């Protein structure tokens, strides 16, 4: 299901692609397991909407597009809007690893509140919940909002994202998943937070390039742009968390990213050739940075 299979077939046909052409290769539009990883925006506990989340909206979009898939993760918090599943059967769509108060790196206690460090906890979560037995084919990572909002080690935040992704790919049985790193949502709680968000987002393409150059199938997904354009309708009153409209925008961006990278699994030479032509026509590499 991974890019290496597409590359092998293309080499058999005498076709040549750079690593920038890597894509999610799917059989019958089967994406496998999707792992949402991030903070409260991913968990969707502060969106003032009990009927939606980026995860439930993505579920609807992917289903309507004809994909088959499931979700994985260690947590089942805030499953609103997702299908319940048959009685007595564990609902595979409620799983994720979005944790309110999550930061990049190690956990940090400020006063009476502890911010959960993703890098520190990924090895533990890897053997918990559904993630213990179902490893991801696609990883959707949106993290850094709490670091930036609280002005925590901002200068090193992009480097800490790289360490986090390296940690994910170092987990046993990881395989070769495709990982999308999101730019941060707009933060208008203060001028300083707005500026720190802009600086963090500007550094992410360099992080993605470093990871891609090391052989990881990593891409940038620009969550900031559409959220910022629709800010007046997409955010709650505290200017930090997207609302139900924002959830839909986030889901749209995630699914657009998946669509851009996904091609059918080759079943014949003709299909392979067609897919190869599609790759050449639709490659979207700007300044040697993986982006979608």
Protein backbone atom coordinates (compact mmCIF):
# COMPACT_ATOMS: atom_id res chain seq x y z
CA UNK A 1 0.00 0.00 0.00
CA UNK A 2 2.99 2.26 0.24
CA UNK A 3 5.06 4.35 -2.12
CA UNK A 4 7.78 1.69 -2.42
CA UNK A 5 5.35 -0.58 -4.31
CA UNK A 6 4.59 2.16 -6.83
CA UNK A 7 8.31 2.82 -7.25
CA UNK A 8 9.05 -0.86 -7.83
CA UNK A 9 6.42 -1.13 -10.55
CA UNK A 10 7.59 2.09 -12.19
CA UNK A 11 11.18 0.85 -12.27
CA UNK A 12 9.94 -2.34 -13.94
CA UNK A 13 8.42 -0.18 -16.65
CA UNK A 14 11.56 1.86 -17.04
CA UNK A 15 9.97 4.95 -15.49
CA UNK A 16 11.90 7.19 -13.14
CA UNK A 17 10.56 9.32 -10.29
CA UNK A 18 12.25 11.36 -7.62
CA UNK A 19 11.28 10.98 -3.94
CA UNK A 20 9.04 14.03 -4.44
CA UNK A 21 6.71 11.82 -6.50
CA UNK A 22 5.96 9.48 -3.60
CA UNK A 23 2.26 8.94 -3.00
CA UNK A 24 -0.18 6.93 -0.93
CA UNK A 25 -0.86 3.90 -3.13
CA UNK A 26 -4.31 2.45 -2.51
CA UNK A 27 -6.12 -0.71 -3.58
CA UNK A 28 -9.81 -0.05 -4.30
CA UNK A 29 -9.34 3.37 -2.66
CA UNK A 30 -8.41 1.71 0.65
CA UNK A 31 -6.37 4.13 2.75
CA UNK A 32 -5.86 1.75 5.66
CA UNK A 33 -5.60 3.24 9.15
CA UNK A 34 -5.49 7.01 9.67
CA UNK A 35 -3.91 8.40 12.84
CA UNK A 36 -4.92 11.91 13.93
CA UNK A 37 -2.25 13.27 16.28
CA UNK A 38 -2.28 16.68 17.96
CA UNK A 39 -3.77 18.87 20.68
CA UNK A 40 -7.26 20.12 21.58
CA UNK A 41 -8.05 21.09 17.99
CA UNK A 42 -7.62 17.44 16.98
CA UNK A 43 -9.44 16.21 20.09
CA UNK A 44 -12.10 18.87 19.39
CA UNK A 45 -13.09 19.43 23.01
CA UNK A 46 -13.11 23.25 22.81
CA UNK A 47 -14.97 23.93 19.57
CA UNK A 48 -18.34 24.81 21.13
CA UNK A 49 -19.92 22.18 18.86
CA UNK A 50 -21.03 18.81 20.22
CA UNK A 51 -21.89 17.42 16.78
CA UNK A 52 -18.66 17.75 14.82
CA UNK A 53 -14.88 17.56 14.86
CA UNK A 54 -12.16 17.62 12.20
CA UNK A 55 -12.17 13.83 12.50
CA UNK A 56 -15.91 13.36 11.99
CA UNK A 57 -15.98 15.82 9.10
CA UNK A 58 -13.02 14.05 7.50
CA UNK A 59 -14.84 10.72 7.97
CA UNK A 60 -17.81 12.08 6.00
CA UNK A 61 -15.68 13.56 3.23
CA UNK A 62 -13.58 10.41 2.79
CA UNK A 63 -16.63 8.17 2.83
CA UNK A 64 -18.42 10.32 0.26
CA UNK A 65 -15.29 10.21 -1.92
CA UNK A 66 -15.46 6.41 -1.98
CA UNK A 67 -12.48 5.66 0.26
CA UNK A 68 -12.42 2.80 2.71
CA UNK A 69 -10.42 3.42 5.86
CA UNK A 70 -10.40 3.24 9.63
CA UNK A 71 -8.96 5.38 12.40
CA UNK A 72 -6.39 4.42 14.99
CA UNK A 73 -4.96 5.96 18.14
CA UNK A 74 -4.80 5.54 21.90
CA UNK A 75 -7.76 7.76 22.87
CA UNK A 76 -11.52 7.80 22.29
CA UNK A 77 -12.29 11.24 23.78
CA UNK A 78 -14.83 13.47 22.03
CA UNK A 79 -16.19 11.07 19.44
CA UNK A 80 -19.09 13.37 18.57
CA UNK A 81 -20.32 13.15 15.03
CA UNK A 82 -18.65 9.79 14.34
CA UNK A 83 -20.60 6.57 13.68
CA UNK A 84 -21.32 4.48 16.74
CA UNK A 85 -20.88 1.10 15.09
CA UNK A 86 -22.82 -2.15 15.61
CA UNK A 87 -23.76 -3.16 19.15
CA UNK A 88 -20.95 -5.02 20.89
CA UNK A 89 -18.37 -4.04 18.27
CA UNK A 90 -15.59 -1.61 19.07
CA UNK A 91 -16.06 1.49 16.93
CA UNK A 92 -12.81 1.87 14.96
CA UNK A 93 -13.58 5.46 14.00
CA UNK A 94 -13.56 6.98 17.47
CA UNK A 95 -9.82 6.44 17.99
CA UNK A 96 -7.23 9.19 17.71
CA UNK A 97 -4.37 10.79 19.66
CA UNK A 98 -5.57 14.35 20.00
CA UNK A 99 -4.89 15.49 23.56
CA UNK A 100 -6.01 18.80 25.02
CA UNK A 101 -3.01 20.74 26.28
CA UNK A 102 -0.51 18.79 24.18
CA UNK A 103 2.82 20.36 23.28
CA UNK A 104 5.79 19.30 21.17
CA UNK A 105 8.48 17.43 23.06
CA UNK A 106 8.32 16.55 26.75
CA UNK A 107 5.47 17.17 29.17
CA UNK A 108 5.70 20.41 31.13
CA UNK A 109 3.93 21.50 34.32
CA UNK A 110 3.07 25.17 34.73
CA UNK A 111 1.38 25.93 38.03
CA UNK A 112 -1.28 23.25 38.50
CA UNK A 113 -1.60 22.40 34.80
CA UNK A 114 0.48 19.79 32.97
CA UNK A 115 0.94 20.13 29.22
CA UNK A 116 1.25 16.68 27.65
CA UNK A 117 4.40 16.22 25.58
CA UNK A 118 3.75 14.31 22.37
CA UNK A 119 7.35 13.20 21.78
CA UNK A 120 7.58 11.88 25.33
CA UNK A 121 4.26 10.02 25.11
CA UNK A 122 4.28 8.60 21.59
CA UNK A 123 6.20 5.44 22.65
CA UNK A 124 3.62 4.81 25.40
CA UNK A 125 0.61 5.49 23.18
CA UNK A 126 2.08 3.22 20.51
CA UNK A 127 1.13 0.22 22.65
CA UNK A 128 -2.21 1.57 23.94
CA UNK A 129 -5.79 1.59 22.68
CA UNK A 130 -6.36 0.60 19.07
CA UNK A 131 -2.90 1.88 18.16
CA UNK A 132 -1.42 -1.12 19.98
CA UNK A 133 -2.63 -3.45 17.24
CA UNK A 134 -3.50 -1.18 14.29
CA UNK A 135 -0.55 0.87 13.04
CA UNK A 136 -1.16 3.89 10.79
CA UNK A 137 -0.86 4.08 7.03
CA UNK A 138 -1.60 7.84 7.07
CA UNK A 139 -0.65 10.23 9.91
CA UNK A 140 -2.23 13.68 10.24
CA UNK A 141 -0.16 15.79 12.66
CA UNK A 142 -1.27 19.22 13.87
CA UNK A 143 0.77 20.40 16.87
CA UNK A 144 2.46 23.50 18.26
CA UNK A 145 -0.54 25.65 19.13
CA UNK A 146 0.02 25.43 22.89
CA UNK A 147 3.75 25.99 22.54
CA UNK A 148 3.17 29.14 20.50
CA UNK A 149 0.24 30.44 22.54
CA UNK A 150 2.21 30.09 25.80
CA UNK A 151 5.49 31.33 24.29
CA UNK A 152 7.19 28.08 25.28
CA UNK A 153 10.61 27.47 23.68
CA UNK A 154 9.36 29.01 20.46
CA UNK A 155 12.80 29.32 18.87
CA UNK A 156 13.29 25.56 19.05
CA UNK A 157 9.70 24.58 18.25
CA UNK A 158 10.33 23.70 14.57
CA UNK A 159 13.32 21.53 15.51
CA UNK A 160 11.19 19.84 18.15
CA UNK A 161 8.64 18.98 15.45
CA UNK A 162 11.39 17.20 13.51
CA UNK A 163 12.38 15.26 16.63
CA UNK A 164 8.73 14.30 17.16
CA UNK A 165 8.39 12.99 13.61
CA UNK A 166 11.70 11.13 13.86
CA UNK A 167 10.39 9.55 17.08
CA UNK A 168 7.20 8.45 15.34
CA UNK A 169 9.12 6.81 12.52
CA UNK A 170 11.39 5.07 15.04
CA UNK A 171 8.51 3.13 16.63
CA UNK A 172 8.54 -0.66 16.17
CA UNK A 173 6.40 -1.86 13.31
CA UNK A 174 5.93 1.65 11.92
CA UNK A 175 6.22 0.49 8.31
CA UNK A 176 6.31 3.30 5.77
CA UNK A 177 3.35 5.61 6.48
CA UNK A 178 2.65 8.91 4.75
CA UNK A 179 2.70 11.78 7.27
CA UNK A 180 1.24 15.25 6.79
CA UNK A 181 2.39 18.12 9.03
CA UNK A 182 -0.13 20.94 9.33
CA UNK A 183 0.66 24.60 9.58
CA UNK A 184 -0.84 26.05 12.74
CA UNK A 185 -4.29 27.57 12.82
CA UNK A 186 -4.39 31.37 13.19
CA UNK A 187 -3.95 32.70 16.73
CA UNK A 188 -5.30 36.20 17.35
CA UNK A 189 -5.24 36.15 21.15
CA UNK A 190 -2.44 38.74 21.03
CA UNK A 191 -0.11 40.40 18.54
CA UNK A 192 2.75 38.38 19.94
CA UNK A 193 0.91 35.09 19.46
CA UNK A 194 -0.03 36.07 15.91
CA UNK A 195 3.60 36.85 15.09
CA UNK A 196 4.90 33.67 16.74
CA UNK A 197 2.41 31.60 14.74
CA UNK A 198 3.60 33.20 11.50
CA UNK A 199 7.24 32.50 12.35
CA UNK A 200 6.52 28.87 13.27
CA UNK A 201 4.56 28.26 10.08
CA UNK A 202 7.29 29.87 8.00
CA UNK A 203 9.83 27.41 9.44
CA UNK A 204 7.80 24.26 8.76
CA UNK A 205 8.68 23.88 5.05
CA UNK A 206 12.33 23.57 6.06
CA UNK A 207 11.45 20.90 8.61
CA UNK A 208 9.44 18.98 6.01
CA UNK A 209 12.35 19.15 3.57
CA UNK A 210 14.78 17.78 6.15
CA UNK A 211 12.46 14.89 6.91
CA UNK A 212 11.79 14.18 3.23
CA UNK A 213 15.51 14.31 2.45
CA UNK A 214 16.06 11.65 5.12
CA UNK A 215 13.73 9.31 3.22
CA UNK A 216 10.49 9.83 5.13
CA UNK A 217 7.23 10.25 3.18
CA UNK A 218 6.37 13.61 4.80
CA UNK A 219 4.43 16.55 3.37
CA UNK A 220 3.16 19.95 4.47
CA UNK A 221 -0.60 20.62 4.66
CA UNK A 222 -1.49 24.31 4.88
CA UNK A 223 -4.24 24.51 7.49
CA UNK A 224 -3.55 28.19 8.19
CA UNK A 225 -4.56 29.63 4.82
CA UNK A 226 -8.24 28.63 4.57
CA UNK A 227 -8.83 29.13 8.30
CA UNK A 228 -7.36 32.61 8.15
CA UNK A 229 -9.41 33.54 5.09
CA UNK A 230 -12.60 32.46 6.88
CA UNK A 231 -11.55 33.59 10.35
CA UNK A 232 -14.69 35.57 11.20
CA UNK A 233 -16.90 32.48 10.90
CA UNK A 234 -14.42 29.70 11.73
CA UNK A 235 -13.35 30.49 15.31
CA UNK A 236 -14.81 30.58 18.78
CA UNK A 237 -14.90 33.81 20.75
CA UNK A 238 -11.55 33.29 22.47
CA UNK A 239 -9.71 33.56 19.12
CA UNK A 240 -7.83 30.31 19.66
CA UNK A 241 -10.03 27.31 18.81
CA UNK A 242 -11.85 26.64 15.53
CA UNK A 243 -15.61 26.11 15.84
CA UNK A 244 -17.82 23.74 13.84
CA UNK A 245 -17.18 25.71 10.64
CA UNK A 246 -13.47 25.63 11.36
CA UNK A 247 -13.64 21.88 11.91
CA UNK A 248 -15.03 21.48 8.40
CA UNK A 249 -12.26 23.64 6.94
CA UNK A 250 -9.61 21.56 8.72
CA UNK A 251 -11.20 18.36 7.43
CA UNK A 252 -11.35 19.78 3.89
CA UNK A 253 -7.62 20.53 4.01
CA UNK A 254 -6.72 17.08 5.36
CA UNK A 255 -8.79 15.33 2.70
CA UNK A 256 -7.41 17.57 -0.06
CA UNK A 257 -3.92 16.56 1.10
CA UNK A 258 -4.82 12.87 1.00
CA UNK A 259 -6.45 13.23 -2.43
CA UNK A 260 -3.35 14.92 -3.80
CA UNK A 261 -1.09 12.08 -2.73
CA UNK A 262 -3.40 9.08 -3.36
CA UNK A 263 -3.42 7.03 -6.56
CA UNK A 264 -5.04 3.64 -7.26
CA UNK A 265 -2.96 0.55 -6.66
CA UNK A 266 -1.79 -0.69 -10.09
CA UNK A 267 -3.59 -3.77 -11.35
CA UNK A 268 -2.18 -3.82 -14.87
CA UNK A 269 0.53 -2.28 -16.99
CA UNK A 270 -2.03 0.12 -18.47
CA UNK A 271 -3.11 1.30 -15.04
CA UNK A 272 0.51 1.73 -13.98
CA UNK A 273 1.29 3.78 -17.04
CA UNK A 274 -1.77 5.95 -16.46
CA UNK A 275 -0.82 6.47 -12.83
CA UNK A 276 2.72 7.31 -13.85
CA UNK A 277 1.43 9.94 -16.25
CA UNK A 278 -0.76 11.35 -13.50
CA UNK A 279 2.23 11.61 -11.20
CA UNK A 280 4.24 13.49 -13.77
CA UNK A 281 1.39 15.85 -14.58
CA UNK A 282 0.35 16.60 -11.00
CA UNK A 283 3.61 16.73 -9.06
CA UNK A 284 3.41 19.72 -6.74
CA UNK A 285 6.90 20.38 -5.49
CA UNK A 286 7.83 24.01 -4.84
CA UNK A 287 11.42 24.98 -4.04
CA UNK A 288 12.23 21.28 -3.41
CA UNK A 289 9.81 21.18 -0.48
CA UNK A 290 7.21 18.44 -0.12
CA UNK A 291 3.90 20.23 0.11
CA UNK A 292 0.27 19.65 -0.66
